[in-house]
Amino acid sequence: MKNINITEIIENYITEIKSELNERWNNWEKDLTESYIYEVIGGILSRQTSMSIQFAKNLNIWNGEIAPIILRSMADNHINLAWVLMNPKKNCQEFILHGLGQQKLELEHRKQKMIDDGIDISNNELIEYEEMLLNSQRYTFLTEVNLGSWSGNSTRKMAEDAGLLDFYNFVYQPFSNCTHSNWGHISKYNTQISDNPFHKFLRYPIIVDFDADLHYMGLSAKYLAKSIELFDEHFKLNVNPSIAFSNLINEFNKLTTDNNNEV
């Protein structure tokens, strides 16, 4: 993508998805005796929106080398949302407790490392701050650490149970190649076969200078739209339908058509 100005399109998209998130939150009738349900589901939807916003703002990552890392996180987040909505009371609690357990584990590792390095942690501001954050939700001495997945199932099993197995197979799993830097990704994006016959098809390292690819931005918007649609189908709120994704694609199509006509 060269010589195309999409600043206004991106700004409009960001404004629209922020508005769609706020509209859903503000029109969602809440039972504050079960506030954790709204916190988890609202937080997951906010996370999905935030990732799409940050992706939209950074054209330099709209490529096959970096984009799948973010898109895989969005896929993971979407599967989490689908699983949570299967049983909000139970699954939201498990989501929170596992997350707090991971925070506690990280904190204990940090404390032990500081002790090993001869650092006094009794009045350490960082440690005190992290403990305060944990204790504000659940006392650390009551917080259990679970080294497994938060749901007790693999991501694939979660996706299957939530009716998202195709999404897992065609989105989550392929993008995991990039996220984990396995050979399937590296051989494609970071090496090239030598054209010298004496090198016996040796692959050598390369650095690709990528152009921004609108396709990846479209995927980011698509996965957010899927999460909003999932939320809307479950809660059936009196809100306007999400149009940010379709508007973005329409603008991209017009932009590329106009650009091709100019060439």
Protein backbone atom coordinates (compact mmCIF):
# COMPACT_ATOMS: atom_id res chain seq x y z
CA MET A 1 0.00 0.00 0.00
CA LYS A 2 1.73 3.15 -1.22
CA ASN A 3 0.75 6.83 -1.39
CA ILE A 4 -2.66 6.24 0.21
CA ASN A 5 -3.83 8.54 3.00
CA ILE A 6 -6.07 6.64 5.37
CA THR A 7 -5.74 8.84 8.46
CA GLU A 8 -9.34 10.05 8.37
CA ILE A 9 -10.68 6.54 7.79
CA ILE A 10 -8.78 5.19 10.79
CA GLU A 11 -9.82 8.10 13.01
CA ASN A 12 -13.48 7.53 12.11
CA TYR A 13 -13.13 3.81 12.79
CA ILE A 14 -11.63 4.42 16.22
CA THR A 15 -14.37 6.91 17.08
CA GLU A 16 -17.05 4.43 16.03
CA ILE A 17 -15.75 1.44 17.98
CA LYS A 18 -15.28 3.54 21.11
CA SER A 19 -18.87 4.71 20.75
CA GLU A 20 -20.14 1.16 20.22
CA LEU A 21 -18.37 -0.07 23.36
CA ASN A 22 -19.68 2.83 25.46
CA GLU A 23 -23.23 2.40 24.15
CA ARG A 24 -23.29 -1.24 25.18
CA TRP A 25 -21.84 -0.60 28.60
CA ASN A 26 -24.19 2.30 29.34
CA ASN A 27 -27.30 0.39 28.20
CA TRP A 28 -26.43 -2.81 30.05
CA GLU A 29 -28.65 -3.14 33.12
CA LYS A 30 -26.42 -4.33 35.94
CA ASP A 31 -27.03 -6.32 39.10
CA LEU A 32 -24.24 -5.04 41.34
CA THR A 33 -24.54 -8.04 43.65
CA GLU A 34 -22.81 -9.87 40.80
CA SER A 35 -20.56 -7.05 39.65
CA TYR A 36 -17.77 -9.44 38.70
CA ILE A 37 -19.79 -10.65 35.70
CA TYR A 38 -20.00 -7.16 34.23
CA GLU A 39 -16.38 -6.43 35.06
CA VAL A 40 -15.09 -9.52 33.26
CA ILE A 41 -17.31 -9.35 30.19
CA GLY A 42 -16.98 -5.59 29.91
CA GLY A 43 -13.24 -5.88 30.39
CA ILE A 44 -12.86 -8.54 27.70
CA LEU A 45 -14.86 -6.44 25.23
CA SER A 46 -12.81 -3.37 26.18
CA ARG A 47 -9.60 -5.34 25.68
CA GLN A 48 -10.77 -6.40 22.21
CA THR A 49 -11.62 -2.80 21.32
CA SER A 50 -8.32 -1.50 22.68
CA MET A 51 -6.27 -4.02 20.70
CA SER A 52 -8.05 -3.04 17.49
CA ILE A 53 -7.46 0.65 18.25
CA GLN A 54 -3.75 0.16 18.91
CA PHE A 55 -3.47 -1.98 15.79
CA ALA A 56 -5.22 0.67 13.72
CA LYS A 57 -2.83 3.37 14.91
CA ASN A 58 0.30 1.48 13.86
CA LEU A 59 0.43 0.92 10.11
CA ASN A 60 3.98 -0.44 10.35
CA ILE A 61 2.65 -3.66 11.89
CA TRP A 62 0.06 -4.33 9.19
CA ASN A 63 2.11 -7.18 7.75
CA GLY A 64 2.57 -10.92 7.98
CA GLU A 65 5.56 -10.62 10.29
CA ILE A 66 3.93 -8.76 13.19
CA ALA A 67 0.16 -8.54 12.63
CA PRO A 68 -0.54 -12.22 13.50
CA ILE A 69 0.86 -11.68 17.01
CA ILE A 70 -1.86 -9.12 17.75
CA LEU A 71 -4.53 -10.94 15.78
CA ARG A 72 -3.85 -14.17 17.64
CA SER A 73 -4.34 -12.32 20.93
CA MET A 74 -7.64 -11.02 19.59
CA ALA A 75 -8.62 -14.56 18.60
CA ASP A 76 -7.71 -15.81 22.08
CA ASN A 77 -9.75 -13.00 23.63
CA HIS A 78 -12.75 -13.82 21.43
CA ILE A 79 -12.65 -17.48 22.45
CA ASN A 80 -12.45 -16.42 26.10
CA LEU A 81 -15.55 -14.26 25.64
CA ALA A 82 -17.46 -17.08 23.99
CA TRP A 83 -16.53 -19.46 26.80
CA VAL A 84 -17.42 -16.97 29.53
CA LEU A 85 -20.85 -16.38 27.99
CA MET A 86 -21.65 -20.10 28.16
CA ASN A 87 -21.94 -19.81 31.96
CA PRO A 88 -21.21 -16.22 33.08
CA LYS A 89 -21.48 -16.74 36.84
CA LYS A 90 -19.15 -19.72 37.03
CA ASN A 91 -16.74 -18.81 34.25
CA CYS A 92 -16.29 -15.16 35.22
CA GLN A 93 -15.30 -16.24 38.73
CA GLU A 94 -12.80 -18.74 37.36
CA PHE A 95 -11.40 -16.14 34.98
CA ILE A 96 -10.79 -13.68 37.83
CA LEU A 97 -9.34 -16.20 40.29
CA HIS A 98 -6.93 -17.62 37.73
CA GLY A 99 -5.81 -14.14 36.70
CA LEU A 100 -5.19 -13.09 40.30
CA GLY A 101 -3.29 -16.33 40.89
CA GLN A 102 -1.01 -15.51 37.97
CA GLN A 103 -0.41 -12.04 39.39
CA LYS A 104 0.44 -13.55 42.77
CA LEU A 105 2.85 -16.02 41.18
CA GLU A 106 4.61 -13.23 39.29
CA LEU A 107 4.85 -11.17 42.47
CA GLU A 108 6.31 -14.06 44.48
CA HIS A 109 8.91 -14.70 41.77
CA ARG A 110 9.87 -11.04 41.79
CA LYS A 111 10.15 -10.95 45.57
CA GLN A 112 12.33 -14.06 45.63
CA LYS A 113 14.61 -12.64 42.92
CA MET A 114 15.04 -9.40 44.88
CA ILE A 115 15.82 -11.36 48.05
CA ASP A 116 18.38 -13.45 46.15
CA ASP A 117 19.96 -10.21 44.92
CA GLY A 118 20.24 -8.92 48.49
CA ILE A 119 17.48 -6.32 48.16
CA ASP A 120 15.35 -5.50 51.21
CA ILE A 121 11.72 -5.95 50.13
CA SER A 122 10.14 -4.93 53.44
CA ASN A 123 9.57 -1.33 52.31
CA ASN A 124 9.89 -1.71 48.57
CA GLU A 125 7.41 0.60 46.82
CA LEU A 126 6.96 -1.65 43.79
CA ILE A 127 6.22 -4.72 45.92
CA GLU A 128 3.85 -2.76 48.15
CA TYR A 129 2.01 -1.38 45.13
CA GLU A 130 1.60 -4.80 43.49
CA GLU A 131 0.39 -6.32 46.78
CA MET A 132 -2.06 -3.45 47.20
CA LEU A 133 -3.50 -4.11 43.74
CA LEU A 134 -3.93 -7.79 44.52
CA ASN A 135 -5.38 -7.24 47.99
CA SER A 136 -7.89 -4.73 46.60
CA GLN A 137 -9.55 -7.65 44.81
CA ARG A 138 -8.68 -10.66 46.96
CA TYR A 139 -6.24 -11.04 49.84
CA THR A 140 -3.01 -12.59 48.65
CA PHE A 141 -3.03 -15.23 51.39
CA LEU A 142 -6.41 -16.43 50.06
CA THR A 143 -5.34 -16.39 46.42
CA GLU A 144 -4.49 -19.78 44.98
CA VAL A 145 -2.10 -20.27 42.09
CA ASN A 146 -3.33 -22.53 39.29
CA LEU A 147 -0.64 -23.38 36.75
CA GLY A 148 -3.16 -24.76 34.27
CA SER A 149 -5.46 -22.85 31.95
CA TRP A 150 -8.04 -20.61 33.58
CA SER A 151 -10.96 -22.68 32.25
CA GLY A 152 -9.40 -26.06 32.97
CA ASN A 153 -9.51 -26.83 29.25
CA SER A 154 -7.26 -26.30 26.27
CA THR A 155 -8.04 -23.36 24.01
CA ARG A 156 -9.06 -25.83 21.31
CA LYS A 157 -11.53 -27.52 23.66
CA MET A 158 -12.93 -24.15 24.71
CA ALA A 159 -13.40 -23.16 21.08
CA GLU A 160 -15.03 -26.48 20.26
CA ASP A 161 -17.48 -26.25 23.16
CA ALA A 162 -18.33 -22.66 22.23
CA GLY A 163 -18.98 -23.55 18.59
CA LEU A 164 -15.82 -21.82 17.37
CA LEU A 165 -13.75 -24.76 16.16
CA ASP A 166 -13.47 -23.36 12.61
CA PHE A 167 -12.36 -20.03 14.07
CA TYR A 168 -9.73 -21.87 16.09
CA ASN A 169 -8.51 -23.91 13.11
CA PHE A 170 -8.37 -21.07 10.60
CA VAL A 171 -7.41 -18.13 12.84
CA TYR A 172 -6.00 -19.04 16.25
CA GLN A 173 -3.85 -21.97 15.20
CA PRO A 174 -2.29 -20.47 12.02
CA PHE A 175 -1.45 -17.21 13.79
CA SER A 176 0.17 -19.21 16.59
CA ASN A 177 2.98 -20.04 14.14
CA CYS A 178 4.00 -16.39 14.19
CA THR A 179 3.36 -15.89 17.90
CA HIS A 180 5.62 -18.81 18.85
CA SER A 181 8.18 -18.10 16.10
CA ASN A 182 8.11 -21.66 14.84
CA TRP A 183 9.71 -22.88 11.63
CA GLY A 184 6.50 -22.60 9.65
CA HIS A 185 6.64 -18.83 10.10
CA ILE A 186 10.40 -18.31 10.07
CA SER A 187 10.96 -20.26 6.87
CA LYS A 188 8.34 -18.13 5.12
CA TYR A 189 9.20 -14.66 6.38
CA ASN A 190 12.78 -14.78 7.66
CA THR A 191 14.69 -17.01 5.26
CA GLN A 192 15.11 -17.39 1.52
CA ILE A 193 16.54 -20.17 -0.62
CA SER A 194 19.81 -19.22 -2.25
CA ASP A 195 19.70 -19.05 -6.04
CA ASN A 196 23.33 -20.17 -6.17
CA PRO A 197 23.36 -23.85 -7.28
CA PHE A 198 26.55 -24.45 -5.30
CA HIS A 199 24.70 -23.66 -2.07
CA LYS A 200 22.48 -26.75 -2.42
CA PHE A 201 19.23 -24.89 -1.69
CA LEU A 202 20.62 -23.35 1.49
CA ARG A 203 18.24 -20.97 3.21
CA TYR A 204 19.82 -17.71 4.29
CA PRO A 205 18.42 -15.06 6.67
CA ILE A 206 16.56 -12.09 5.22
CA ILE A 207 14.91 -8.93 6.55
CA VAL A 208 11.80 -8.03 4.57
CA ASP A 209 10.82 -4.38 4.17
CA PHE A 210 7.04 -4.74 4.39
CA ASP A 211 4.41 -2.39 3.01
CA ALA A 212 1.26 -1.94 5.11
CA ASP A 213 -1.43 -4.42 4.07
CA LEU A 214 -5.05 -3.32 4.51
CA HIS A 215 -6.07 -6.97 4.81
CA TYR A 216 -4.64 -7.25 8.32
CA MET A 217 -6.42 -4.12 9.54
CA GLY A 218 -9.60 -5.59 8.11
CA LEU A 219 -9.05 -8.76 10.13
CA SER A 220 -8.56 -6.79 13.33
CA ALA A 221 -11.84 -4.98 12.75
CA LYS A 222 -13.53 -8.26 11.82
CA TYR A 223 -12.54 -10.02 15.04
CA LEU A 224 -13.74 -7.09 17.13
CA ALA A 225 -17.03 -7.13 15.21
CA LYS A 226 -17.37 -10.86 15.95
CA SER A 227 -16.96 -10.20 19.68
CA ILE A 228 -19.50 -7.38 19.65
CA GLU A 229 -21.92 -9.57 17.71
CA LEU A 230 -21.45 -12.37 20.26
CA PHE A 231 -22.16 -9.94 23.09
CA ASP A 232 -25.24 -8.55 21.34
CA GLU A 233 -26.66 -12.00 20.60
CA HIS A 234 -26.30 -13.03 24.23
CA PHE A 235 -27.62 -9.94 26.01
CA LYS A 236 -30.01 -8.56 23.37
CA LEU A 237 -29.65 -4.96 24.52
CA ASN A 238 -31.53 -2.08 22.95
CA VAL A 239 -28.51 -0.72 21.09
CA ASN A 240 -27.67 0.22 17.53
CA PRO A 241 -26.11 -2.59 15.50
CA SER A 242 -22.34 -2.49 15.13
CA ILE A 243 -21.39 -0.86 11.81
CA ALA A 244 -17.74 0.08 12.35
CA PHE A 245 -16.38 -2.99 10.55
CA SER A 246 -18.62 -2.67 7.49
CA ASN A 247 -17.93 1.07 7.29
CA LEU A 248 -14.19 0.45 7.44
CA ILE A 249 -14.27 -2.17 4.68
CA ASN A 250 -16.43 0.07 2.48
CA GLU A 251 -13.98 2.93 2.91
CA PHE A 252 -11.02 0.66 2.19
CA ASN A 253 -12.72 -0.62 -0.96
CA LYS A 254 -13.41 2.91 -2.18
CA LEU A 255 -9.88 3.96 -1.35
CA THR A 256 -8.21 1.13 -3.22
CA THR A 257 -10.57 1.54 -6.20
CA ASP A 258 -9.80 5.25 -6.44
CA ASN A 259 -6.08 4.56 -6.10
CA ASN A 260 -6.16 1.94 -8.88
CA ASN A 261 -8.02 4.33 -11.15
CA GLU A 262 -5.33 6.94 -10.66
CA VAL A 263 -2.53 4.58 -11.68
